[in-house]
Amino acid sequence: MSTRSGTALNLSFAIVHCPNSYNLCVSTDFFDRLAAQLRANKNAACRRAIQRILDLVKKDYEAGGHSPTEAEREFRRLVENDEACK
């Protein structure tokens, strides 16, 4: 912990997965935040579907399948079209 003018600074760092792919060392935390938002006020079946879709989209993204914007759009589209979430 470092201090500046008597004020403590809390520094934290995320561990980032760095696969040998197009999206080198890119965090997928934004997917987790988006999934949490999409799960709000959904039934249990839809929440399970969102988790399943999240895992698939993360794997594809880490393999270099999409840019962050494309991956987010694909994630939202898959959730909207899933039978459990209609």
PDB file of N, CA and C in Angstrom:
ATOM      1  N   MET A   1       0.853  -1.162   0.000  1.00  0.00           N
ATOM      2  CA  MET A   1       0.000   0.000   0.000  1.00  0.00           C
ATOM      3  C   MET A   1       0.902   1.228   0.000  1.00  0.00           C
ATOM      4  N   SER A   2       0.545   2.206  -0.757  1.00  0.00           N
ATOM      5  CA  SER A   2       1.308   3.437  -0.886  1.00  0.00           C
ATOM      6  C   SER A   2       0.507   4.588  -0.300  1.00  0.00           C
ATOM      7  N   THR A   3       1.195   5.576   0.210  1.00  0.00           N
ATOM      8  CA  THR A   3       0.487   6.749   0.727  1.00  0.00           C
ATOM      9  C   THR A   3       0.945   7.995   0.006  1.00  0.00           C
ATOM     10  N   ARG A   4       0.038   8.918  -0.138  1.00  0.00           N
ATOM     11  CA  ARG A   4       0.336  10.200  -0.763  1.00  0.00           C
ATOM     12  C   ARG A   4      -0.372  11.259   0.068  1.00  0.00           C
ATOM     13  N   SER A   5       0.370  12.172   0.632  1.00  0.00           N
ATOM     14  CA  SER A   5      -0.175  13.241   1.466  1.00  0.00           C
ATOM     15  C   SER A   5      -1.063  12.697   2.579  1.00  0.00           C
ATOM     16  N   GLY A   6      -0.654  11.583   3.177  1.00  0.00           N
ATOM     17  CA  GLY A   6      -1.399  11.035   4.292  1.00  0.00           C
ATOM     18  C   GLY A   6      -2.625  10.224   3.899  1.00  0.00           C
ATOM     19  N   THR A   7      -2.923  10.086   2.602  1.00  0.00           N
ATOM     20  CA  THR A   7      -4.074   9.326   2.137  1.00  0.00           C
ATOM     21  C   THR A   7      -3.591   7.975   1.610  1.00  0.00           C
ATOM     22  N   ALA A   8      -4.192   6.919   2.083  1.00  0.00           N
ATOM     23  CA  ALA A   8      -3.804   5.580   1.645  1.00  0.00           C
ATOM     24  C   ALA A   8      -4.411   5.286   0.278  1.00  0.00           C
ATOM     25  N   LEU A   9      -3.615   4.716  -0.595  1.00  0.00           N
ATOM     26  CA  LEU A   9      -4.084   4.302  -1.919  1.00  0.00           C
ATOM     27  C   LEU A   9      -4.198   2.785  -1.933  1.00  0.00           C
ATOM     28  N   ASN A  10      -5.322   2.295  -2.336  1.00  0.00           N
ATOM     29  CA  ASN A  10      -5.528   0.856  -2.424  1.00  0.00           C
ATOM     30  C   ASN A  10      -5.356   0.459  -3.890  1.00  0.00           C
ATOM     31  N   LEU A  11      -4.284  -0.254  -4.185  1.00  0.00           N
ATOM     32  CA  LEU A  11      -3.996  -0.673  -5.553  1.00  0.00           C
ATOM     33  C   LEU A  11      -4.322  -2.153  -5.702  1.00  0.00           C
ATOM     34  N   SER A  12      -5.081  -2.487  -6.737  1.00  0.00           N
ATOM     35  CA  SER A  12      -5.386  -3.891  -6.982  1.00  0.00           C
ATOM     36  C   SER A  12      -5.132  -4.201  -8.453  1.00  0.00           C
ATOM     37  N   PHE A  13      -4.795  -5.442  -8.713  1.00  0.00           N
ATOM     38  CA  PHE A  13      -4.476  -5.869 -10.064  1.00  0.00           C
ATOM     39  C   PHE A  13      -5.242  -7.142 -10.382  1.00  0.00           C
ATOM     40  N   ALA A  14      -5.697  -7.250 -11.612  1.00  0.00           N
ATOM     41  CA  ALA A  14      -6.418  -8.450 -12.051  1.00  0.00           C
ATOM     42  C   ALA A  14      -5.449  -9.402 -12.738  1.00  0.00           C
ATOM     43  N   ILE A  15      -5.646 -10.674 -12.513  1.00  0.00           N
ATOM     44  CA  ILE A  15      -4.879 -11.679 -13.236  1.00  0.00           C
ATOM     45  C   ILE A  15      -5.599 -11.904 -14.551  1.00  0.00           C
ATOM     46  N   VAL A  16      -4.868 -11.799 -15.636  1.00  0.00           N
ATOM     47  CA  VAL A  16      -5.467 -11.856 -16.960  1.00  0.00           C
ATOM     48  C   VAL A  16      -4.978 -13.099 -17.684  1.00  0.00           C
ATOM     49  N   HIS A  17      -5.899 -13.825 -18.280  1.00  0.00           N
ATOM     50  CA  HIS A  17      -5.575 -15.009 -19.076  1.00  0.00           C
ATOM     51  C   HIS A  17      -4.934 -14.555 -20.380  1.00  0.00           C
ATOM     52  N   CYS A  18      -3.782 -15.108 -20.717  1.00  0.00           N
ATOM     53  CA  CYS A  18      -3.064 -14.694 -21.919  1.00  0.00           C
ATOM     54  C   CYS A  18      -2.881 -15.867 -22.875  1.00  0.00           C
ATOM     55  N   PRO A  19      -3.921 -16.224 -23.605  1.00  0.00           N
ATOM     56  CA  PRO A  19      -3.787 -17.332 -24.550  1.00  0.00           C
ATOM     57  C   PRO A  19      -2.962 -16.911 -25.765  1.00  0.00           C
ATOM     58  N   ASN A  20      -2.495 -17.863 -26.492  1.00  0.00           N
ATOM     59  CA  ASN A  20      -1.760 -17.593 -27.716  1.00  0.00           C
ATOM     60  C   ASN A  20      -2.773 -17.401 -28.833  1.00  0.00           C
ATOM     61  N   SER A  21      -3.350 -16.205 -28.892  1.00  0.00           N
ATOM     62  CA  SER A  21      -4.416 -15.956 -29.847  1.00  0.00           C
ATOM     63  C   SER A  21      -4.423 -14.493 -30.257  1.00  0.00           C
ATOM     64  N   TYR A  22      -5.417 -14.126 -31.048  1.00  0.00           N
ATOM     65  CA  TYR A  22      -5.584 -12.749 -31.506  1.00  0.00           C
ATOM     66  C   TYR A  22      -5.769 -11.788 -30.340  1.00  0.00           C
ATOM     67  N   ASN A  23      -6.582 -12.165 -29.349  1.00  0.00           N
ATOM     68  CA  ASN A  23      -6.886 -11.307 -28.200  1.00  0.00           C
ATOM     69  C   ASN A  23      -5.890 -11.572 -27.071  1.00  0.00           C
ATOM     70  N   LEU A  24      -4.633 -11.255 -27.292  1.00  0.00           N
ATOM     71  CA  LEU A  24      -3.594 -11.528 -26.319  1.00  0.00           C
ATOM     72  C   LEU A  24      -3.806 -10.723 -25.046  1.00  0.00           C
ATOM     73  N   CYS A  25      -3.733 -11.392 -23.927  1.00  0.00           N
ATOM     74  CA  CYS A  25      -3.773 -10.765 -22.605  1.00  0.00           C
ATOM     75  C   CYS A  25      -4.942  -9.805 -22.436  1.00  0.00           C
ATOM     76  N   VAL A  26      -6.106 -10.180 -22.893  1.00  0.00           N
ATOM     77  CA  VAL A  26      -7.292  -9.348 -22.753  1.00  0.00           C
ATOM     78  C   VAL A  26      -8.184  -9.963 -21.674  1.00  0.00           C
ATOM     79  N   SER A  27      -8.617  -9.152 -20.746  1.00  0.00           N
ATOM     80  CA  SER A  27      -9.475  -9.621 -19.671  1.00  0.00           C
ATOM     81  C   SER A  27     -10.879  -9.899 -20.196  1.00  0.00           C
ATOM     82  N   THR A  28     -11.507 -10.895 -19.623  1.00  0.00           N
ATOM     83  CA  THR A  28     -12.891 -11.213 -19.988  1.00  0.00           C
ATOM     84  C   THR A  28     -13.849 -10.809 -18.874  1.00  0.00           C
ATOM     85  N   ASP A  29     -13.385  -9.964 -17.956  1.00  0.00           N
ATOM     86  CA  ASP A  29     -14.235  -9.515 -16.846  1.00  0.00           C
ATOM     87  C   ASP A  29     -15.499  -8.819 -17.334  1.00  0.00           C
ATOM     88  N   PHE A  30     -15.416  -8.145 -18.470  1.00  0.00           N
ATOM     89  CA  PHE A  30     -16.588  -7.423 -18.965  1.00  0.00           C
ATOM     90  C   PHE A  30     -17.728  -8.382 -19.281  1.00  0.00           C
ATOM     91  N   PHE A  31     -17.404  -9.620 -19.668  1.00  0.00           N
ATOM     92  CA  PHE A  31     -18.452 -10.620 -19.910  1.00  0.00           C
ATOM     93  C   PHE A  31     -19.180 -10.962 -18.614  1.00  0.00           C
ATOM     94  N   ASP A  32     -18.419 -11.108 -17.528  1.00  0.00           N
ATOM     95  CA  ASP A  32     -19.030 -11.429 -16.241  1.00  0.00           C
ATOM     96  C   ASP A  32     -19.966 -10.311 -15.779  1.00  0.00           C
ATOM     97  N   ARG A  33     -19.549  -9.063 -15.968  1.00  0.00           N
ATOM     98  CA  ARG A  33     -20.405  -7.935 -15.586  1.00  0.00           C
ATOM     99  C   ARG A  33     -21.668  -7.895 -16.447  1.00  0.00           C
ATOM    100  N   LEU A  34     -21.521  -8.129 -17.740  1.00  0.00           N
ATOM    101  CA  LEU A  34     -22.677  -8.135 -18.630  1.00  0.00           C
ATOM    102  C   LEU A  34     -23.628  -9.269 -18.262  1.00  0.00           C
ATOM    103  N   ALA A  35     -23.080 -10.436 -17.980  1.00  0.00           N
ATOM    104  CA  ALA A  35     -23.920 -11.582 -17.609  1.00  0.00           C
ATOM    105  C   ALA A  35     -24.705 -11.279 -16.331  1.00  0.00           C
ATOM    106  N   ALA A  36     -24.065 -10.634 -15.371  1.00  0.00           N
ATOM    107  CA  ALA A  36     -24.760 -10.282 -14.127  1.00  0.00           C
ATOM    108  C   ALA A  36     -25.924  -9.339 -14.414  1.00  0.00           C
ATOM    109  N   GLN A  37     -25.727  -8.395 -15.314  1.00  0.00           N
ATOM    110  CA  GLN A  37     -26.799  -7.469 -15.682  1.00  0.00           C
ATOM    111  C   GLN A  37     -27.939  -8.201 -16.390  1.00  0.00           C
ATOM    112  N   LEU A  38     -27.595  -9.122 -17.284  1.00  0.00           N
ATOM    113  CA  LEU A  38     -28.619  -9.841 -18.033  1.00  0.00           C
ATOM    114  C   LEU A  38     -29.405 -10.824 -17.156  1.00  0.00           C
ATOM    115  N   ARG A  39     -28.770 -11.328 -16.078  1.00  0.00           N
ATOM    116  CA  ARG A  39     -29.437 -12.280 -15.186  1.00  0.00           C
ATOM    117  C   ARG A  39     -30.489 -11.613 -14.301  1.00  0.00           C
ATOM    118  N   ALA A  40     -30.397 -10.299 -14.126  1.00  0.00           N
ATOM    119  CA  ALA A  40     -31.310  -9.586 -13.219  1.00  0.00           C
ATOM    120  C   ALA A  40     -32.762  -9.823 -13.622  1.00  0.00           C
ATOM    121  N   ASN A  41     -33.552 -10.188 -12.652  1.00  0.00           N
ATOM    122  CA  ASN A  41     -34.998 -10.400 -12.828  1.00  0.00           C
ATOM    123  C   ASN A  41     -35.349 -11.471 -13.855  1.00  0.00           C
ATOM    124  N   LYS A  42     -34.492 -12.465 -14.010  1.00  0.00           N
ATOM    125  CA  LYS A  42     -34.765 -13.586 -14.923  1.00  0.00           C
ATOM    126  C   LYS A  42     -35.091 -14.834 -14.119  1.00  0.00           C
ATOM    127  N   ASN A  43     -35.790 -15.766 -14.735  1.00  0.00           N
ATOM    128  CA  ASN A  43     -36.095 -17.023 -14.063  1.00  0.00           C
ATOM    129  C   ASN A  43     -34.852 -17.921 -14.027  1.00  0.00           C
ATOM    130  N   ALA A  44     -34.921 -18.985 -13.252  1.00  0.00           N
ATOM    131  CA  ALA A  44     -33.766 -19.863 -13.051  1.00  0.00           C
ATOM    132  C   ALA A  44     -33.277 -20.488 -14.357  1.00  0.00           C
ATOM    133  N   ALA A  45     -34.199 -20.897 -15.203  1.00  0.00           N
ATOM    134  CA  ALA A  45     -33.804 -21.517 -16.479  1.00  0.00           C
ATOM    135  C   ALA A  45     -33.036 -20.524 -17.353  1.00  0.00           C
ATOM    136  N   CYS A  46     -33.485 -19.293 -17.367  1.00  0.00           N
ATOM    137  CA  CYS A  46     -32.795 -18.272 -18.156  1.00  0.00           C
ATOM    138  C   CYS A  46     -31.419 -17.976 -17.566  1.00  0.00           C
ATOM    139  N   ARG A  47     -31.313 -17.910 -16.242  1.00  0.00           N
ATOM    140  CA  ARG A  47     -30.005 -17.664 -15.615  1.00  0.00           C
ATOM    141  C   ARG A  47     -29.023 -18.780 -15.943  1.00  0.00           C
ATOM    142  N   ARG A  48     -29.503 -20.028 -15.969  1.00  0.00           N
ATOM    143  CA  ARG A  48     -28.631 -21.153 -16.349  1.00  0.00           C
ATOM    144  C   ARG A  48     -28.217 -21.043 -17.813  1.00  0.00           C
ATOM    145  N   ALA A  49     -29.142 -20.644 -18.662  1.00  0.00           N
ATOM    146  CA  ALA A  49     -28.828 -20.473 -20.082  1.00  0.00           C
ATOM    147  C   ALA A  49     -27.792 -19.373 -20.272  1.00  0.00           C
ATOM    148  N   ILE A  50     -27.922 -18.286 -19.528  1.00  0.00           N
ATOM    149  CA  ILE A  50     -26.951 -17.186 -19.624  1.00  0.00           C
ATOM    150  C   ILE A  50     -25.566 -17.676 -19.225  1.00  0.00           C
ATOM    151  N   GLN A  51     -25.477 -18.492 -18.170  1.00  0.00           N
ATOM    152  CA  GLN A  51     -24.178 -19.025 -17.747  1.00  0.00           C
ATOM    153  C   GLN A  51     -23.589 -19.921 -18.832  1.00  0.00           C
ATOM    154  N   ARG A  52     -24.419 -20.765 -19.432  1.00  0.00           N
ATOM    155  CA  ARG A  52     -23.953 -21.652 -20.506  1.00  0.00           C
ATOM    156  C   ARG A  52     -23.448 -20.837 -21.699  1.00  0.00           C
ATOM    157  N   ILE A  53     -24.214 -19.823 -22.077  1.00  0.00           N
ATOM    158  CA  ILE A  53     -23.833 -18.960 -23.203  1.00  0.00           C
ATOM    159  C   ILE A  53     -22.567 -18.182 -22.869  1.00  0.00           C
ATOM    160  N   LEU A  54     -22.464 -17.708 -21.634  1.00  0.00           N
ATOM    161  CA  LEU A  54     -21.274 -16.970 -21.196  1.00  0.00           C
ATOM    162  C   LEU A  54     -20.019 -17.806 -21.396  1.00  0.00           C
ATOM    163  N   ASP A  55     -20.065 -19.067 -20.984  1.00  0.00           N
ATOM    164  CA  ASP A  55     -18.900 -19.942 -21.138  1.00  0.00           C
ATOM    165  C   ASP A  55     -18.515 -20.112 -22.605  1.00  0.00           C
ATOM    166  N   LEU A  56     -19.510 -20.288 -23.462  1.00  0.00           N
ATOM    167  CA  LEU A  56     -19.243 -20.464 -24.898  1.00  0.00           C
ATOM    168  C   LEU A  56     -18.639 -19.204 -25.520  1.00  0.00           C
ATOM    169  N   VAL A  57     -19.212 -18.063 -25.196  1.00  0.00           N
ATOM    170  CA  VAL A  57     -18.748 -16.805 -25.787  1.00  0.00           C
ATOM    171  C   VAL A  57     -17.342 -16.463 -25.290  1.00  0.00           C
ATOM    172  N   LYS A  58     -17.069 -16.719 -24.017  1.00  0.00           N
ATOM    173  CA  LYS A  58     -15.720 -16.465 -23.481  1.00  0.00           C
ATOM    174  C   LYS A  58     -14.676 -17.314 -24.210  1.00  0.00           C
ATOM    175  N   LYS A  59     -14.978 -18.591 -24.397  1.00  0.00           N
ATOM    176  CA  LYS A  59     -14.030 -19.476 -25.085  1.00  0.00           C
ATOM    177  C   LYS A  59     -13.777 -18.996 -26.508  1.00  0.00           C
ATOM    178  N   ASP A  60     -14.826 -18.626 -27.201  1.00  0.00           N
ATOM    179  CA  ASP A  60     -14.683 -18.131 -28.574  1.00  0.00           C
ATOM    180  C   ASP A  60     -13.881 -16.834 -28.601  1.00  0.00           C
ATOM    181  N   TYR A  61     -14.159 -15.948 -27.669  1.00  0.00           N
ATOM    182  CA  TYR A  61     -13.445 -14.666 -27.604  1.00  0.00           C
ATOM    183  C   TYR A  61     -11.962 -14.884 -27.311  1.00  0.00           C
ATOM    184  N   GLU A  62     -11.659 -15.739 -26.346  1.00  0.00           N
ATOM    185  CA  GLU A  62     -10.264 -16.012 -25.997  1.00  0.00           C
ATOM    186  C   GLU A  62      -9.506 -16.665 -27.141  1.00  0.00           C
ATOM    187  N   ALA A  63     -10.220 -17.384 -27.993  1.00  0.00           N
ATOM    188  CA  ALA A  63      -9.589 -18.023 -29.154  1.00  0.00           C
ATOM    189  C   ALA A  63      -9.408 -17.048 -30.316  1.00  0.00           C
ATOM    190  N   GLY A  64      -9.860 -15.809 -30.130  1.00  0.00           N
ATOM    191  CA  GLY A  64      -9.688 -14.808 -31.184  1.00  0.00           C
ATOM    192  C   GLY A  64     -10.832 -14.754 -32.161  1.00  0.00           C
ATOM    193  N   GLY A  65     -11.966 -15.332 -31.793  1.00  0.00           N
ATOM    194  CA  GLY A  65     -13.108 -15.394 -32.697  1.00  0.00           C
ATOM    195  C   GLY A  65     -13.802 -14.069 -32.949  1.00  0.00           C
ATOM    196  N   HIS A  66     -13.743 -13.145 -31.975  1.00  0.00           N
ATOM    197  CA  HIS A  66     -14.457 -11.878 -32.104  1.00  0.00           C
ATOM    198  C   HIS A  66     -13.681 -10.751 -31.443  1.00  0.00           C
ATOM    199  N   SER A  67     -13.968  -9.532 -31.869  1.00  0.00           N
ATOM    200  CA  SER A  67     -13.487  -8.356 -31.148  1.00  0.00           C
ATOM    201  C   SER A  67     -14.372  -8.200 -29.916  1.00  0.00           C
ATOM    202  N   PRO A  68     -14.007  -7.354 -28.942  1.00  0.00           N
ATOM    203  CA  PRO A  68     -14.870  -7.186 -27.761  1.00  0.00           C
ATOM    204  C   PRO A  68     -16.291  -6.743 -28.120  1.00  0.00           C
ATOM    205  N   THR A  69     -16.422  -5.829 -29.059  1.00  0.00           N
ATOM    206  CA  THR A  69     -17.749  -5.342 -29.449  1.00  0.00           C
ATOM    207  C   THR A  69     -18.568  -6.441 -30.115  1.00  0.00           C
ATOM    208  N   GLU A  70     -17.945  -7.180 -31.013  1.00  0.00           N
ATOM    209  CA  GLU A  70     -18.643  -8.273 -31.690  1.00  0.00           C
ATOM    210  C   GLU A  70     -19.042  -9.362 -30.699  1.00  0.00           C
ATOM    211  N   ALA A  71     -18.156  -9.652 -29.754  1.00  0.00           N
ATOM    212  CA  ALA A  71     -18.442 -10.695 -28.763  1.00  0.00           C
ATOM    213  C   ALA A  71     -19.612 -10.286 -27.873  1.00  0.00           C
ATOM    214  N   GLU A  72     -19.656  -9.018 -27.475  1.00  0.00           N
ATOM    215  CA  GLU A  72     -20.772  -8.549 -26.652  1.00  0.00           C
ATOM    216  C   GLU A  72     -22.082  -8.626 -27.425  1.00  0.00           C
ATOM    217  N   ARG A  73     -22.062  -8.209 -28.679  1.00  0.00           N
ATOM    218  CA  ARG A  73     -23.265  -8.259 -29.509  1.00  0.00           C
ATOM    219  C   ARG A  73     -23.740  -9.702 -29.678  1.00  0.00           C
ATOM    220  N   GLU A  74     -22.805 -10.622 -29.911  1.00  0.00           N
ATOM    221  CA  GLU A  74     -23.145 -12.032 -30.074  1.00  0.00           C
ATOM    222  C   GLU A  74     -23.724 -12.606 -28.777  1.00  0.00           C
ATOM    223  N   PHE A  75     -23.137 -12.246 -27.648  1.00  0.00           N
ATOM    224  CA  PHE A  75     -23.623 -12.708 -26.353  1.00  0.00           C
ATOM    225  C   PHE A  75     -25.060 -12.259 -26.129  1.00  0.00           C
ATOM    226  N   ARG A  76     -25.333 -10.972 -26.356  1.00  0.00           N
ATOM    227  CA  ARG A  76     -26.682 -10.444 -26.180  1.00  0.00           C
ATOM    228  C   ARG A  76     -27.676 -11.126 -27.131  1.00  0.00           C
ATOM    229  N   ARG A  77     -27.250 -11.346 -28.384  1.00  0.00           N
ATOM    230  CA  ARG A  77     -28.126 -11.983 -29.372  1.00  0.00           C
ATOM    231  C   ARG A  77     -28.475 -13.412 -28.962  1.00  0.00           C
ATOM    232  N   LEU A  78     -27.464 -14.154 -28.512  1.00  0.00           N
ATOM    233  CA  LEU A  78     -27.710 -15.535 -28.097  1.00  0.00           C
ATOM    234  C   LEU A  78     -28.646 -15.604 -26.891  1.00  0.00           C
ATOM    235  N   VAL A  79     -28.487 -14.692 -25.941  1.00  0.00           N
ATOM    236  CA  VAL A  79     -29.370 -14.679 -24.779  1.00  0.00           C
ATOM    237  C   VAL A  79     -30.801 -14.329 -25.210  1.00  0.00           C
ATOM    238  N   GLU A  80     -30.954 -13.314 -26.040  1.00  0.00           N
ATOM    239  CA  GLU A  80     -32.290 -12.896 -26.486  1.00  0.00           C
ATOM    240  C   GLU A  80     -33.017 -14.001 -27.251  1.00  0.00           C
ATOM    241  N   ASN A  81     -32.260 -14.803 -28.000  1.00  0.00           N
ATOM    242  CA  ASN A  81     -32.864 -15.849 -28.828  1.00  0.00           C
ATOM    243  C   ASN A  81     -33.012 -17.199 -28.126  1.00  0.00           C
ATOM    244  N   ASP A  82     -32.473 -17.318 -26.923  1.00  0.00           N
ATOM    245  CA  ASP A  82     -32.574 -18.579 -26.194  1.00  0.00           C
ATOM    246  C   ASP A  82     -34.004 -18.771 -25.712  1.00  0.00           C
ATOM    247  N   GLU A  83     -34.541 -19.975 -25.894  1.00  0.00           N
ATOM    248  CA  GLU A  83     -35.925 -20.290 -25.519  1.00  0.00           C
ATOM    249  C   GLU A  83     -36.208 -20.034 -24.045  1.00  0.00           C
ATOM    250  N   ALA A  84     -35.236 -20.308 -23.190  1.00  0.00           N
ATOM    251  CA  ALA A  84     -35.441 -20.157 -21.747  1.00  0.00           C
ATOM    252  C   ALA A  84     -35.581 -18.691 -21.335  1.00  0.00           C
ATOM    253  N   CYS A  85     -35.105 -17.784 -22.161  1.00  0.00           N
ATOM    254  CA  CYS A  85     -35.111 -16.361 -21.811  1.00  0.00           C
ATOM    255  C   CYS A  85     -36.189 -15.566 -22.518  1.00  0.00           C
ATOM    256  N   LYS A  86     -37.069 -16.239 -23.262  1.00  0.00           N
ATOM    257  CA  LYS A  86     -38.129 -15.519 -23.968  1.00  0.00           C
ATOM    258  C   LYS A  86     -39.315 -15.295 -23.092  1.00  0.00           C
TER     259      LYS A  86
END
